[in-house]
Protein backbone atom coordinates (compact mmCIF):
# COMPACT_ATOMS: atom_id res chain seq x y z
CA MET A 1 0.00 0.00 0.00
CA LYS A 2 2.89 2.36 -0.66
CA HIS A 3 1.74 5.87 -1.58
CA LEU A 4 -1.82 5.16 -0.41
CA GLN A 5 -3.80 6.45 2.54
CA ARG A 6 -6.97 4.86 3.82
CA ILE A 7 -10.20 6.73 4.47
CA GLY A 8 -11.86 6.71 7.84
CA ALA A 9 -15.57 7.47 8.21
CA LEU A 10 -17.62 8.67 11.16
CA ALA A 11 -21.24 7.60 11.49
CA ALA A 12 -23.85 10.33 11.78
CA ALA A 13 -26.87 10.05 14.06
CA SER A 14 -29.17 10.07 11.08
CA ALA A 15 -28.41 10.67 7.62
CA PHE A 16 -26.70 11.30 3.97
CA MET A 17 -24.47 13.63 2.11
CA LEU A 18 -24.40 16.51 -0.31
CA ILE A 19 -26.39 16.80 -3.45
CA GLN A 20 -28.03 19.97 -4.40
CA SER A 21 -28.89 18.28 -7.68
CA ILE A 22 -31.53 15.96 -6.25
CA GLU A 23 -33.10 18.41 -3.83
CA ALA A 24 -36.65 19.45 -4.55
CA ILE A 25 -37.55 23.10 -4.83
CA ALA A 26 -38.62 24.07 -1.32
CA PHE A 27 -42.37 24.27 -0.78
CA PRO A 28 -43.62 27.48 0.87
CA GLN A 29 -44.77 25.75 4.07
CA ASP A 30 -44.32 22.74 6.31
CA CYS A 31 -47.07 20.26 7.17
CA THR A 32 -47.71 21.35 10.75
CA ALA A 33 -50.62 20.51 13.03
CA GLY A 34 -53.52 22.88 12.39
CA LEU A 35 -52.25 24.05 8.99
CA VAL A 36 -55.19 24.66 6.66
CA LEU A 37 -54.47 23.66 3.07
CA ALA A 38 -56.70 25.23 0.46
CA ASN A 39 -57.46 23.15 -2.62
CA GLY A 40 -54.21 22.76 -4.56
CA ASP A 41 -52.03 23.93 -1.68
CA LYS A 42 -48.94 21.89 -0.83
CA CYS A 43 -46.68 21.34 2.15
CA GLN A 44 -43.61 19.31 3.12
CA ALA A 45 -43.37 16.77 5.94
CA PRO A 46 -40.76 14.42 7.43
CA ALA A 47 -40.09 11.23 5.50
CA SER A 48 -40.09 7.96 7.40
CA MET A 49 -38.32 6.35 4.43
CA TYR A 50 -35.99 7.94 1.87
CA LYS A 51 -34.28 5.20 -0.13
CA PHE A 52 -31.83 5.64 -2.98
CA THR A 53 -28.85 3.76 -4.38
CA ILE A 54 -25.22 4.84 -4.44
CA GLN A 55 -23.67 3.35 -7.56
CA LYS A 56 -20.15 4.31 -6.47
CA PHE A 57 -18.35 7.14 -4.68
CA GLY A 58 -15.43 9.02 -6.17
CA PHE A 59 -12.68 11.41 -5.09
CA GLU A 60 -11.33 13.89 -7.66
CA ARG A 61 -7.62 14.75 -7.48
CA ASP A 62 -6.34 18.18 -8.53
CA ASP A 63 -4.94 16.68 -11.74
CA GLY A 64 -8.48 15.73 -12.79
CA GLN A 65 -8.17 12.01 -12.10
CA ILE A 66 -11.14 10.47 -10.27
CA PHE A 67 -10.75 7.43 -8.00
CA TYR A 68 -13.98 5.49 -7.44
CA PHE A 69 -14.88 3.07 -4.65
CA GLY A 70 -17.83 0.83 -3.88
CA SER A 71 -20.54 -0.91 -5.88
CA PRO A 72 -24.33 -0.31 -6.12
CA LEU A 73 -25.94 -0.39 -2.67
CA GLU A 74 -29.29 0.92 -1.45
CA PHE A 75 -29.41 3.35 1.49
CA ASP A 76 -32.28 4.77 3.53
CA ALA A 77 -31.48 8.35 4.53
CA ALA A 78 -34.35 8.31 7.05
CA SER A 79 -32.89 5.35 8.95
CA VAL A 80 -31.13 5.96 12.26
CA SER A 81 -28.34 3.68 11.04
CA ALA A 82 -27.85 5.40 7.68
CA GLY A 83 -24.74 7.28 8.78
CA GLN A 84 -23.09 4.06 9.93
CA THR A 85 -24.10 2.32 6.71
CA VAL A 86 -22.48 5.02 4.59
CA ALA A 87 -19.44 4.98 6.87
CA ASN A 88 -19.04 1.25 6.33
CA TYR A 89 -19.44 1.76 2.57
CA LEU A 90 -16.37 4.01 2.34
CA SER A 91 -14.29 3.13 5.37
CA GLY A 92 -10.90 1.70 4.47
CA ALA A 93 -10.87 2.86 0.84
CA ALA A 94 -7.26 3.59 -0.10
CA LEU A 95 -6.51 6.87 -1.93
CA PRO A 96 -3.19 7.59 -3.67
CA PHE A 97 -1.28 10.51 -2.20
CA GLY A 98 -2.17 13.94 -3.55
CA THR A 99 -4.56 16.86 -3.14
CA TYR A 100 -8.24 16.11 -3.69
CA VAL A 101 -10.58 18.93 -4.66
CA ALA A 102 -14.03 17.30 -4.82
CA VAL A 103 -16.08 14.24 -3.99
CA ARG A 104 -17.91 12.60 -6.88
CA PRO A 105 -20.78 10.33 -5.79
CA ILE A 106 -23.01 8.71 -8.41
CA ILE A 107 -26.53 8.33 -7.05
CA SER A 108 -29.75 6.83 -8.37
CA ILE A 109 -32.36 9.14 -9.85
CA SER A 110 -35.10 6.85 -8.53
CA GLN A 111 -35.96 7.36 -4.86
CA THR A 112 -38.56 5.61 -2.69
CA ILE A 113 -40.12 7.72 0.05
CA ALA A 114 -42.80 7.28 2.70
CA GLY A 115 -44.40 9.52 5.32
CA GLY A 116 -47.54 10.42 7.24
CA PRO A 117 -50.23 10.43 8.37
CA TYR A 118 -50.45 14.12 9.36
CA ASN A 119 -53.47 15.78 10.98
CA MET A 120 -54.14 19.12 9.34
CA GLY A 121 -56.55 21.96 10.09
CA GLY A 122 -60.19 21.71 9.08
CA GLY A 123 -60.37 18.03 9.97
CA MET A 124 -58.15 16.99 7.05
CA THR A 125 -55.59 14.20 7.40
CA CYS A 126 -52.73 13.73 4.98
CA GLN A 127 -52.78 9.99 4.53
CA GLN A 128 -49.76 7.81 4.99
CA ALA A 129 -48.09 7.32 1.63
CA GLN A 130 -45.24 5.49 -0.01
CA THR A 131 -44.15 6.15 -3.55
CA THR A 132 -41.21 5.71 -5.90
CA GLN A 133 -40.36 8.54 -8.26
CA ASN A 134 -37.46 9.74 -10.35
CA ARG A 135 -35.83 12.94 -9.17
CA VAL A 136 -34.84 15.02 -12.17
CA ASP A 137 -33.36 18.45 -11.60
CA ASN A 138 -34.19 21.36 -13.89
CA GLY A 139 -31.38 21.92 -16.35
CA GLY A 140 -30.00 18.41 -16.08
CA HIS A 141 -28.25 17.00 -19.14
CA VAL A 142 -26.90 13.65 -20.30
CA CYS A 143 -23.28 13.19 -19.24
CA ALA A 144 -20.98 13.94 -22.15
CA ASN A 145 -17.78 12.30 -20.84
CA ASP A 146 -16.24 10.69 -17.76
CA ALA A 147 -15.39 14.06 -16.19
CA ASP A 148 -18.87 15.57 -16.67
CA TYR A 149 -21.09 16.14 -13.61
CA GLN A 150 -24.50 17.41 -12.46
CA CYS A 151 -25.73 15.21 -15.29
CA THR A 152 -27.59 11.96 -15.88
CA ASP A 153 -25.82 8.71 -16.66
CA GLY A 154 -28.49 6.14 -17.36
CA GLY A 155 -30.56 5.92 -14.18
CA TYR A 156 -28.01 7.81 -12.07
CA TRP A 157 -26.92 11.34 -11.23
CA ARG A 158 -23.24 12.21 -11.36
CA VAL A 159 -22.48 14.80 -8.71
CA ARG A 160 -19.44 16.96 -7.96
CA ASP A 161 -19.25 18.51 -4.49
CA THR A 162 -16.45 20.82 -3.31
CA SER A 163 -17.83 21.66 0.16
CA LEU A 164 -15.01 19.78 1.94
CA GLY A 165 -12.36 22.03 0.40
CA ASN A 166 -8.95 20.69 -0.60
CA MET A 167 -8.13 17.35 0.99
CA VAL A 168 -4.43 16.47 1.19
CA ILE A 169 -3.59 12.77 1.37
CA SER A 170 -0.03 12.12 2.49
CA PRO A 171 1.96 9.65 4.66
CA THR A 172 1.23 11.83 7.70
CA SER A 173 -2.45 12.68 7.07
CA THR A 174 -5.69 10.76 7.32
CA LEU A 175 -9.05 11.70 5.85
CA THR A 176 -12.16 11.20 7.97
CA ILE A 177 -15.59 12.04 6.57
CA LYS A 178 -18.82 12.44 8.53
CA PHE A 179 -22.15 12.09 6.76
CA ASP A 180 -25.31 13.85 7.99
CA PHE A 181 -28.79 13.76 6.44
CA ASP A 182 -31.93 15.76 7.14
CA VAL A 183 -35.19 14.35 5.74
CA ASN A 184 -37.55 16.56 7.78
CA LYS A 185 -38.96 17.86 4.49
CA GLY A 186 -38.62 14.60 2.63
CA ILE A 187 -42.20 14.07 1.39
CA ASN A 188 -44.56 16.50 -0.34
CA TYR A 189 -48.34 16.59 0.19
CA ILE A 190 -51.15 18.34 -1.67
CA ASN A 191 -54.83 19.05 -0.95
CA ASN A 192 -56.57 17.57 -3.97
CA ALA A 193 -60.27 18.42 -3.77
CA GLY A 194 -60.40 17.87 -0.01
CA VAL A 195 -58.18 14.78 0.05
CA CYS A 196 -54.61 15.25 1.24
CA GLY A 197 -52.11 12.81 -0.19
CA ALA A 198 -48.62 12.58 -1.65
CA ALA A 199 -48.24 15.25 -4.32
CA ILE A 200 -48.39 14.10 -7.91
CA GLY A 201 -46.23 15.99 -10.35
CA ASP A 202 -43.12 15.91 -12.46
CA GLY A 203 -39.56 15.35 -11.27
CA VAL A 204 -39.33 18.76 -9.61
CA ASP A 205 -42.82 19.11 -8.16
CA GLY A 206 -43.77 15.64 -6.98
CA PRO A 207 -43.85 13.57 -3.79
CA VAL A 208 -40.05 13.39 -3.48
CA GLY A 209 -39.23 16.18 -1.05
CA HIS A 210 -36.15 17.96 0.18
CA LEU A 211 -33.08 15.97 1.28
CA GLN A 212 -30.57 18.14 3.12
CA PRO A 213 -27.21 16.37 3.17
CA THR A 214 -23.95 17.70 4.58
CA LEU A 215 -20.35 16.51 4.67
CA THR A 216 -17.76 17.40 7.27
CA ARG A 217 -14.21 16.15 7.52
CA GLY A 218 -11.23 15.85 9.79
CA ASN A 219 -7.55 15.12 9.16
């Protein structure tokens, strides 16, 4: 393992990482007790399930080379063990020495979510729901080459995230990544003629709600 350094990973209490590209546009309100939804109004609520697949996870070096690890595996960002699961997925991966400028996960477009029921104002209840839907971001394009990102590659999104800053891998440094996920706005609901259920819409305005992932690191 000369000229390699292994990655450590810290489990988060509940969780996933990054990805502005699969976040839904934020709805104007949360599904809170007593909220009155007029016909056609929508709100966001916590997801009890938020499943997606990581195809593989990459690290981009400053010379443009990307080193990928892992194979397709399904994760549930709403699970209390999700942080540990992601930690196990990456822990021990060996990176060649150098300076890394971005992480490059490849994540499934298809996501399965569940949530509810929620008691709303006016005697309305948003029924418990589970649905699978593709998340497609506005402006997305088909990946043109191996280095392309924020693009679709078959049934997956290629993402490039620089929020960790430059990461130096050397004989005297170690890279530890912590994954955190917030699915408190993970499912979208709509009042459809007096019946509140998971919103039906296209890839931007559908039942798949907001996933707020963050990455933090230590050396």
